[in-house]
Amino acid sequence: MYLNLMTTRQRAKYLLLEAEYKPVSLRLAYLQKIGLYQTWTKQPKEIQEAALHRRVVEDMIPLQVQMAWGPPDRRRDASLPEEAATGRTRMVWDYAFSDKEGHGNNGYERSVCFLDGHVLWVRGP
């Protein structure tokens, strides 16, 4: 879950701590130093549980979806004209899959739609 929120540099440093079999206390200290541990502990228990099981549920906010699934491969504005006229926003995050067998079949395996910053619907596994 933490890796889903890290920058490339943070991820490299954390993975090095793991590769060098540094004690959990040192890895936790690093997570606290960069603020991810605090971000995690502020989340409601049901959100933590969902993220740990890589589930996205209705009403999650983008940060919580990223905890569960990581950053999306594509973000797109899907606001309807009447929503935009009233200041509402609809964003869709798409998560890609790639054809590991080399048939050239790449596409989007799952998507999540946010209405005003909260999950409205989820499609895919």
Foldseek 3Di string as FASTA:
>chain_A
DLCLVDDPVLNVVLVVCVVVVPDPVVSVVSCVVVPNVVVQVPDDPVLNVCLVVLHDDWFDFPVSNSSRVHAAPDKDWPDDPVCVVVPKTKMKGFHKDADPVPPRDIDTQKMFIDIRGTTPDIDHD
